[in-house]
Amino acid sequence: MRQGSPLRYRPEEPGVVTAKLRGALEGAADRALSGLDELRLEARPTPAPIWYLDGEWSIRRHLESLVHGDYAALTVVCMLRSGPGEYAALLSEAVGRHTVEVVFPEGAAQACPEGVRVTVAGEFCPFFQEKIYGKVFSRPIDHEGSVFSLEYIFMADDEESLIVYTENGRRKGVIITLPFITCVQHQLARKMIAGGRDAAAAPGQKIYTGKERVHT
């Protein structure tokens, strides 16, 4: 621009204009990408703590992933009087990877693969034994026209559990990774084991859990 009357303007060199435009566009693009990154971070979904499985195939596939998972112990509460024969091969495979313990109610078939620790559940809390174990775990639940029956609870340490049940005869599963629930489940199972007895022992022979099992 030159002073005078009228004012006179001299155009910038094309290269200068192009450089300025390019800089402005690049700055706008950088700000837009930064904004998108922030949106992606805010919108990134967190893993669902509870998943539902429908059908035997889905349940078996997830149980296989538990068998091959990175954890110390697999604890199984089996409510089927016939025992866990259908999953015997998977339990046998798990023995080579983890400590495996199966808890049964009194009177259930207790046949398990070699290497599996087998415990008959004990009574550790009268309220739990009567109100929850006796009325919920060990018998079908009739609710709003559907009949539910608990079959298994598989627990990988206290980090993940797989509940297997039937609804009107159709087998379904629930995967739980919510820490509060998995910890409570695991603690209840340990209490059942601590108050129980080794399946090889006669009724009335209590055991103490730990690295070694001692019969009294």
C-alpha atoms as a PDB file:
ATOM      1  CA  MET A   1       0.000   0.000   0.000  1.00  0.00           C
ATOM      2  CA  ARG A   2       1.287   3.477  -0.889  1.00  0.00           C
ATOM      3  CA  GLN A   3       0.343   6.708   0.846  1.00  0.00           C
ATOM      4  CA  GLY A   4      -1.431   9.308  -1.227  1.00  0.00           C
ATOM      5  CA  SER A   5      -4.789  10.278  -2.464  1.00  0.00           C
ATOM      6  CA  PRO A   6      -6.317   7.996  -3.473  1.00  0.00           C
ATOM      7  CA  LEU A   7      -4.559   5.089  -1.683  1.00  0.00           C
ATOM      8  CA  ARG A   8      -2.796   2.718  -4.002  1.00  0.00           C
ATOM      9  CA  TYR A   9      -2.318  -1.014  -3.313  1.00  0.00           C
ATOM     10  CA  ARG A  10       0.469  -3.169  -4.694  1.00  0.00           C
ATOM     11  CA  PRO A  11      -0.329  -6.912  -4.933  1.00  0.00           C
ATOM     12  CA  GLU A  12       1.844  -9.406  -3.083  1.00  0.00           C
ATOM     13  CA  GLU A  13       4.003 -11.762  -5.048  1.00  0.00           C
ATOM     14  CA  PRO A  14       2.136 -15.024  -5.861  1.00  0.00           C
ATOM     15  CA  GLY A  15       4.652 -17.099  -3.962  1.00  0.00           C
ATOM     16  CA  VAL A  16       4.138 -15.055  -0.799  1.00  0.00           C
ATOM     17  CA  VAL A  17       0.349 -15.348  -1.030  1.00  0.00           C
ATOM     18  CA  THR A  18       0.544 -19.081  -1.646  1.00  0.00           C
ATOM     19  CA  ALA A  19       2.822 -19.606   1.352  1.00  0.00           C
ATOM     20  CA  LYS A  20       0.473 -17.661   3.629  1.00  0.00           C
ATOM     21  CA  LEU A  21      -2.572 -19.581   2.415  1.00  0.00           C
ATOM     22  CA  ARG A  22      -0.782 -22.890   2.813  1.00  0.00           C
ATOM     23  CA  GLY A  23       0.230 -21.991   6.376  1.00  0.00           C
ATOM     24  CA  ALA A  24      -3.328 -20.988   7.263  1.00  0.00           C
ATOM     25  CA  LEU A  25      -4.768 -24.203   5.796  1.00  0.00           C
ATOM     26  CA  GLU A  26      -2.197 -26.396   7.529  1.00  0.00           C
ATOM     27  CA  GLY A  27      -2.883 -24.684  10.857  1.00  0.00           C
ATOM     28  CA  ALA A  28      -6.632 -25.212  10.438  1.00  0.00           C
ATOM     29  CA  ALA A  29      -6.095 -28.865   9.512  1.00  0.00           C
ATOM     30  CA  ASP A  30      -3.881 -29.454  12.553  1.00  0.00           C
ATOM     31  CA  ARG A  31      -6.472 -27.902  14.854  1.00  0.00           C
ATOM     32  CA  ALA A  32      -9.235 -30.018  13.279  1.00  0.00           C
ATOM     33  CA  LEU A  33      -7.241 -33.254  13.690  1.00  0.00           C
ATOM     34  CA  SER A  34      -6.441 -32.363  17.294  1.00  0.00           C
ATOM     35  CA  GLY A  35     -10.143 -31.814  17.943  1.00  0.00           C
ATOM     36  CA  LEU A  36     -11.013 -35.182  16.364  1.00  0.00           C
ATOM     37  CA  ASP A  37      -8.411 -36.954  18.511  1.00  0.00           C
ATOM     38  CA  GLU A  38      -9.961 -35.442  21.626  1.00  0.00           C
ATOM     39  CA  LEU A  39     -13.407 -36.567  20.496  1.00  0.00           C
ATOM     40  CA  ARG A  40     -12.120 -40.089  19.877  1.00  0.00           C
ATOM     41  CA  LEU A  41     -10.613 -40.238  23.352  1.00  0.00           C
ATOM     42  CA  GLU A  42     -13.845 -39.035  24.922  1.00  0.00           C
ATOM     43  CA  ALA A  43     -15.962 -41.428  22.870  1.00  0.00           C
ATOM     44  CA  ARG A  44     -13.701 -44.475  23.298  1.00  0.00           C
ATOM     45  CA  PRO A  45     -15.906 -47.219  24.767  1.00  0.00           C
ATOM     46  CA  THR A  46     -14.892 -48.955  27.987  1.00  0.00           C
ATOM     47  CA  PRO A  47     -15.218 -52.747  28.093  1.00  0.00           C
ATOM     48  CA  ALA A  48     -18.634 -53.877  29.285  1.00  0.00           C
ATOM     49  CA  PRO A  49     -18.361 -55.549  32.718  1.00  0.00           C
ATOM     50  CA  ILE A  50     -21.200 -57.994  31.955  1.00  0.00           C
ATOM     51  CA  TRP A  51     -21.767 -59.991  28.756  1.00  0.00           C
ATOM     52  CA  TYR A  52     -24.542 -62.448  27.953  1.00  0.00           C
ATOM     53  CA  LEU A  53     -24.046 -65.715  26.076  1.00  0.00           C
ATOM     54  CA  ASP A  54     -26.801 -67.711  24.411  1.00  0.00           C
ATOM     55  CA  GLY A  55     -26.316 -71.353  23.550  1.00  0.00           C
ATOM     56  CA  GLU A  56     -23.789 -74.091  24.204  1.00  0.00           C
ATOM     57  CA  TRP A  57     -21.384 -73.085  21.428  1.00  0.00           C
ATOM     58  CA  SER A  58     -20.859 -69.561  22.817  1.00  0.00           C
ATOM     59  CA  ILE A  59     -20.435 -70.867  26.352  1.00  0.00           C
ATOM     60  CA  ARG A  60     -17.884 -73.485  25.348  1.00  0.00           C
ATOM     61  CA  ARG A  61     -15.884 -70.977  23.287  1.00  0.00           C
ATOM     62  CA  HIS A  62     -15.601 -68.634  26.261  1.00  0.00           C
ATOM     63  CA  LEU A  63     -14.756 -71.450  28.646  1.00  0.00           C
ATOM     64  CA  GLU A  64     -11.925 -72.391  26.298  1.00  0.00           C
ATOM     65  CA  SER A  65     -10.624 -68.816  26.535  1.00  0.00           C
ATOM     66  CA  LEU A  66     -10.694 -69.102  30.344  1.00  0.00           C
ATOM     67  CA  VAL A  67      -8.734 -72.355  30.169  1.00  0.00           C
ATOM     68  CA  HIS A  68      -6.051 -70.637  28.097  1.00  0.00           C
ATOM     69  CA  GLY A  69      -6.114 -67.398  30.131  1.00  0.00           C
ATOM     70  CA  ASP A  70      -3.292 -65.923  32.179  1.00  0.00           C
ATOM     71  CA  TYR A  71      -4.316 -66.487  35.801  1.00  0.00           C
ATOM     72  CA  ALA A  72      -3.368 -68.714  38.731  1.00  0.00           C
ATOM     73  CA  ALA A  73      -6.489 -70.715  39.597  1.00  0.00           C
ATOM     74  CA  LEU A  74      -9.769 -71.851  38.090  1.00  0.00           C
ATOM     75  CA  THR A  75     -12.451 -72.456  40.722  1.00  0.00           C
ATOM     76  CA  VAL A  76     -15.682 -74.132  39.642  1.00  0.00           C
ATOM     77  CA  VAL A  77     -18.920 -74.392  41.589  1.00  0.00           C
ATOM     78  CA  CYS A  78     -20.871 -77.239  39.974  1.00  0.00           C
ATOM     79  CA  MET A  79     -24.541 -77.502  40.913  1.00  0.00           C
ATOM     80  CA  LEU A  80     -25.339 -80.404  38.577  1.00  0.00           C
ATOM     81  CA  ARG A  81     -25.904 -83.655  40.416  1.00  0.00           C
ATOM     82  CA  SER A  82     -24.416 -85.458  37.422  1.00  0.00           C
ATOM     83  CA  GLY A  83     -21.115 -83.585  37.758  1.00  0.00           C
ATOM     84  CA  PRO A  84     -19.095 -81.668  35.126  1.00  0.00           C
ATOM     85  CA  GLY A  85     -18.547 -84.584  32.752  1.00  0.00           C
ATOM     86  CA  GLU A  86     -19.439 -82.530  29.680  1.00  0.00           C
ATOM     87  CA  TYR A  87     -16.522 -80.184  30.408  1.00  0.00           C
ATOM     88  CA  ALA A  88     -14.118 -82.869  31.627  1.00  0.00           C
ATOM     89  CA  ALA A  89     -11.763 -82.453  28.663  1.00  0.00           C
ATOM     90  CA  LEU A  90     -11.510 -78.689  29.227  1.00  0.00           C
ATOM     91  CA  LEU A  91     -10.945 -79.143  32.962  1.00  0.00           C
ATOM     92  CA  SER A  92      -8.231 -81.689  32.221  1.00  0.00           C
ATOM     93  CA  GLU A  93      -6.557 -79.226  29.869  1.00  0.00           C
ATOM     94  CA  ALA A  94      -6.813 -76.496  32.510  1.00  0.00           C
ATOM     95  CA  VAL A  95      -4.974 -78.692  35.048  1.00  0.00           C
ATOM     96  CA  GLY A  96      -1.809 -78.337  33.012  1.00  0.00           C
ATOM     97  CA  ARG A  97      -2.058 -74.551  33.157  1.00  0.00           C
ATOM     98  CA  HIS A  98      -3.672 -73.595  36.462  1.00  0.00           C
ATOM     99  CA  THR A  99      -4.717 -74.860  39.862  1.00  0.00           C
ATOM    100  CA  VAL A 100      -8.216 -76.266  39.280  1.00  0.00           C
ATOM    101  CA  GLU A 101     -10.728 -76.838  42.074  1.00  0.00           C
ATOM    102  CA  VAL A 102     -14.334 -78.004  41.723  1.00  0.00           C
ATOM    103  CA  VAL A 103     -16.897 -77.550  44.499  1.00  0.00           C
ATOM    104  CA  PHE A 104     -19.940 -79.830  44.627  1.00  0.00           C
ATOM    105  CA  PRO A 105     -23.051 -79.914  46.781  1.00  0.00           C
ATOM    106  CA  GLU A 106     -23.421 -82.925  49.057  1.00  0.00           C
ATOM    107  CA  GLY A 107     -24.671 -85.972  47.165  1.00  0.00           C
ATOM    108  CA  ALA A 108     -23.520 -84.918  43.687  1.00  0.00           C
ATOM    109  CA  ALA A 109     -21.445 -87.111  41.417  1.00  0.00           C
ATOM    110  CA  GLN A 110     -17.869 -85.977  41.994  1.00  0.00           C
ATOM    111  CA  ALA A 111     -15.974 -87.562  39.117  1.00  0.00           C
ATOM    112  CA  CYS A 112     -13.371 -85.140  37.778  1.00  0.00           C
ATOM    113  CA  PRO A 113     -10.220 -85.434  35.682  1.00  0.00           C
ATOM    114  CA  GLU A 114      -7.000 -86.358  37.439  1.00  0.00           C
ATOM    115  CA  GLY A 115      -5.308 -83.370  39.025  1.00  0.00           C
ATOM    116  CA  VAL A 116      -8.539 -81.513  39.842  1.00  0.00           C
ATOM    117  CA  ARG A 117      -9.066 -80.747  43.533  1.00  0.00           C
ATOM    118  CA  VAL A 118     -12.565 -81.852  44.490  1.00  0.00           C
ATOM    119  CA  THR A 119     -14.383 -80.400  47.505  1.00  0.00           C
ATOM    120  CA  VAL A 120     -17.853 -81.021  48.917  1.00  0.00           C
ATOM    121  CA  ALA A 121     -19.306 -77.657  49.925  1.00  0.00           C
ATOM    122  CA  GLY A 122     -19.646 -76.920  53.617  1.00  0.00           C
ATOM    123  CA  GLU A 123     -22.005 -74.743  55.633  1.00  0.00           C
ATOM    124  CA  PHE A 124     -20.124 -71.584  56.535  1.00  0.00           C
ATOM    125  CA  CYS A 125     -22.998 -69.186  57.140  1.00  0.00           C
ATOM    126  CA  PRO A 126     -26.516 -70.251  58.224  1.00  0.00           C
ATOM    127  CA  PHE A 127     -28.179 -67.280  56.494  1.00  0.00           C
ATOM    128  CA  PHE A 128     -26.326 -67.875  53.221  1.00  0.00           C
ATOM    129  CA  GLN A 129     -26.899 -71.623  53.442  1.00  0.00           C
ATOM    130  CA  GLU A 130     -30.656 -71.279  53.920  1.00  0.00           C
ATOM    131  CA  LYS A 131     -31.592 -68.118  52.011  1.00  0.00           C
ATOM    132  CA  ILE A 132     -29.163 -68.138  49.089  1.00  0.00           C
ATOM    133  CA  TYR A 133     -27.502 -71.528  48.645  1.00  0.00           C
ATOM    134  CA  GLY A 134     -30.595 -73.520  49.549  1.00  0.00           C
ATOM    135  CA  LYS A 135     -33.196 -71.382  47.765  1.00  0.00           C
ATOM    136  CA  VAL A 136     -31.253 -69.906  44.845  1.00  0.00           C
ATOM    137  CA  PHE A 137     -28.224 -72.015  44.014  1.00  0.00           C
ATOM    138  CA  SER A 138     -29.524 -75.527  44.564  1.00  0.00           C
ATOM    139  CA  ARG A 139     -33.018 -75.394  43.071  1.00  0.00           C
ATOM    140  CA  PRO A 140     -34.798 -73.892  40.049  1.00  0.00           C
ATOM    141  CA  ILE A 141     -36.096 -70.330  40.290  1.00  0.00           C
ATOM    142  CA  ASP A 142     -39.565 -69.603  38.891  1.00  0.00           C
ATOM    143  CA  HIS A 143     -39.811 -65.948  37.852  1.00  0.00           C
ATOM    144  CA  GLU A 144     -42.424 -64.269  35.626  1.00  0.00           C
ATOM    145  CA  GLY A 145     -43.246 -67.414  33.712  1.00  0.00           C
ATOM    146  CA  SER A 146     -39.634 -68.540  33.220  1.00  0.00           C
ATOM    147  CA  VAL A 147     -37.764 -71.220  35.130  1.00  0.00           C
ATOM    148  CA  PHE A 148     -34.055 -70.614  35.788  1.00  0.00           C
ATOM    149  CA  SER A 149     -31.618 -73.192  37.078  1.00  0.00           C
ATOM    150  CA  LEU A 150     -27.989 -72.558  38.016  1.00  0.00           C
ATOM    151  CA  GLU A 151     -25.523 -75.141  36.679  1.00  0.00           C
ATOM    152  CA  TYR A 152     -21.987 -73.755  37.020  1.00  0.00           C
ATOM    153  CA  ILE A 153     -19.941 -70.806  38.189  1.00  0.00           C
ATOM    154  CA  PHE A 154     -16.443 -70.740  36.682  1.00  0.00           C
ATOM    155  CA  MET A 155     -14.086 -68.262  38.375  1.00  0.00           C
ATOM    156  CA  ALA A 156     -10.671 -67.229  37.019  1.00  0.00           C
ATOM    157  CA  ASP A 157      -9.010 -66.031  40.222  1.00  0.00           C
ATOM    158  CA  ASP A 158     -11.164 -63.102  41.400  1.00  0.00           C
ATOM    159  CA  GLU A 159     -10.960 -61.288  38.059  1.00  0.00           C
ATOM    160  CA  GLU A 160     -13.550 -62.932  35.816  1.00  0.00           C
ATOM    161  CA  SER A 161     -16.421 -65.360  36.168  1.00  0.00           C
ATOM    162  CA  LEU A 162     -18.698 -67.293  33.854  1.00  0.00           C
ATOM    163  CA  ILE A 163     -22.132 -68.221  35.191  1.00  0.00           C
ATOM    164  CA  VAL A 164     -23.881 -71.011  33.278  1.00  0.00           C
ATOM    165  CA  TYR A 165     -27.608 -71.491  33.786  1.00  0.00           C
ATOM    166  CA  THR A 166     -30.697 -72.620  31.935  1.00  0.00           C
ATOM    167  CA  GLU A 167     -33.797 -70.593  31.151  1.00  0.00           C
ATOM    168  CA  ASN A 168     -36.764 -72.825  30.345  1.00  0.00           C
ATOM    169  CA  GLY A 169     -34.318 -75.566  29.466  1.00  0.00           C
ATOM    170  CA  ARG A 170     -32.119 -73.463  27.159  1.00  0.00           C
ATOM    171  CA  ARG A 171     -28.554 -73.037  28.327  1.00  0.00           C
ATOM    172  CA  LYS A 172     -27.233 -69.501  28.686  1.00  0.00           C
ATOM    173  CA  GLY A 173     -24.241 -67.793  30.240  1.00  0.00           C
ATOM    174  CA  VAL A 174     -23.187 -64.534  31.858  1.00  0.00           C
ATOM    175  CA  ILE A 175     -19.591 -63.272  31.767  1.00  0.00           C
ATOM    176  CA  ILE A 176     -18.745 -60.931  34.641  1.00  0.00           C
ATOM    177  CA  THR A 177     -15.580 -58.834  34.953  1.00  0.00           C
ATOM    178  CA  LEU A 178     -16.945 -56.230  37.379  1.00  0.00           C
ATOM    179  CA  PRO A 179     -14.370 -56.361  40.223  1.00  0.00           C
ATOM    180  CA  PHE A 180     -16.834 -56.043  43.099  1.00  0.00           C
ATOM    181  CA  ILE A 181     -18.979 -58.957  41.906  1.00  0.00           C
ATOM    182  CA  THR A 182     -16.079 -61.221  40.930  1.00  0.00           C
ATOM    183  CA  CYS A 183     -14.379 -60.632  44.290  1.00  0.00           C
ATOM    184  CA  VAL A 184     -17.577 -61.438  46.222  1.00  0.00           C
ATOM    185  CA  GLN A 185     -18.136 -64.600  44.162  1.00  0.00           C
ATOM    186  CA  HIS A 186     -14.572 -65.729  44.709  1.00  0.00           C
ATOM    187  CA  GLN A 187     -14.709 -65.080  48.455  1.00  0.00           C
ATOM    188  CA  LEU A 188     -17.978 -67.013  48.788  1.00  0.00           C
ATOM    189  CA  ALA A 189     -16.461 -69.943  46.900  1.00  0.00           C
ATOM    190  CA  ARG A 190     -13.391 -69.900  49.156  1.00  0.00           C
ATOM    191  CA  LYS A 191     -15.682 -69.897  52.213  1.00  0.00           C
ATOM    192  CA  MET A 192     -17.579 -72.899  50.809  1.00  0.00           C
ATOM    193  CA  ILE A 193     -14.269 -74.711  50.324  1.00  0.00           C
ATOM    194  CA  ALA A 194     -12.896 -73.729  53.741  1.00  0.00           C
ATOM    195  CA  GLY A 195     -16.022 -75.081  55.437  1.00  0.00           C
ATOM    196  CA  GLY A 196     -16.201 -78.149  53.216  1.00  0.00           C
ATOM    197  CA  ARG A 197     -14.414 -81.473  53.037  1.00  0.00           C
ATOM    198  CA  ASP A 198     -12.229 -83.268  50.588  1.00  0.00           C
ATOM    199  CA  ALA A 199     -14.387 -85.461  48.362  1.00  0.00           C
ATOM    200  CA  ALA A 200     -12.159 -88.412  49.251  1.00  0.00           C
ATOM    201  CA  ALA A 201     -12.820 -87.949  52.965  1.00  0.00           C
ATOM    202  CA  ALA A 202     -15.739 -89.413  54.826  1.00  0.00           C
ATOM    203  CA  PRO A 203     -18.673 -87.118  55.680  1.00  0.00           C
ATOM    204  CA  GLY A 204     -17.875 -85.086  58.782  1.00  0.00           C
ATOM    205  CA  GLN A 205     -14.156 -84.877  58.077  1.00  0.00           C
ATOM    206  CA  LYS A 206     -13.455 -81.173  57.709  1.00  0.00           C
ATOM    207  CA  ILE A 207     -10.496 -79.797  55.792  1.00  0.00           C
ATOM    208  CA  TYR A 208      -8.440 -76.653  56.002  1.00  0.00           C
ATOM    209  CA  THR A 209      -7.483 -74.973  52.764  1.00  0.00           C
ATOM    210  CA  GLY A 210      -4.123 -73.576  51.882  1.00  0.00           C
ATOM    211  CA  LYS A 211      -1.033 -74.914  50.192  1.00  0.00           C
ATOM    212  CA  GLU A 212      -1.567 -78.199  52.025  1.00  0.00           C
ATOM    213  CA  ARG A 213      -4.797 -79.955  52.987  1.00  0.00           C
ATOM    214  CA  VAL A 214      -4.891 -81.514  56.440  1.00  0.00           C
ATOM    215  CA  HIS A 215      -7.705 -83.824  57.522  1.00  0.00           C
ATOM    216  CA  THR A 216      -8.928 -83.670  61.112  1.00  0.00           C
END
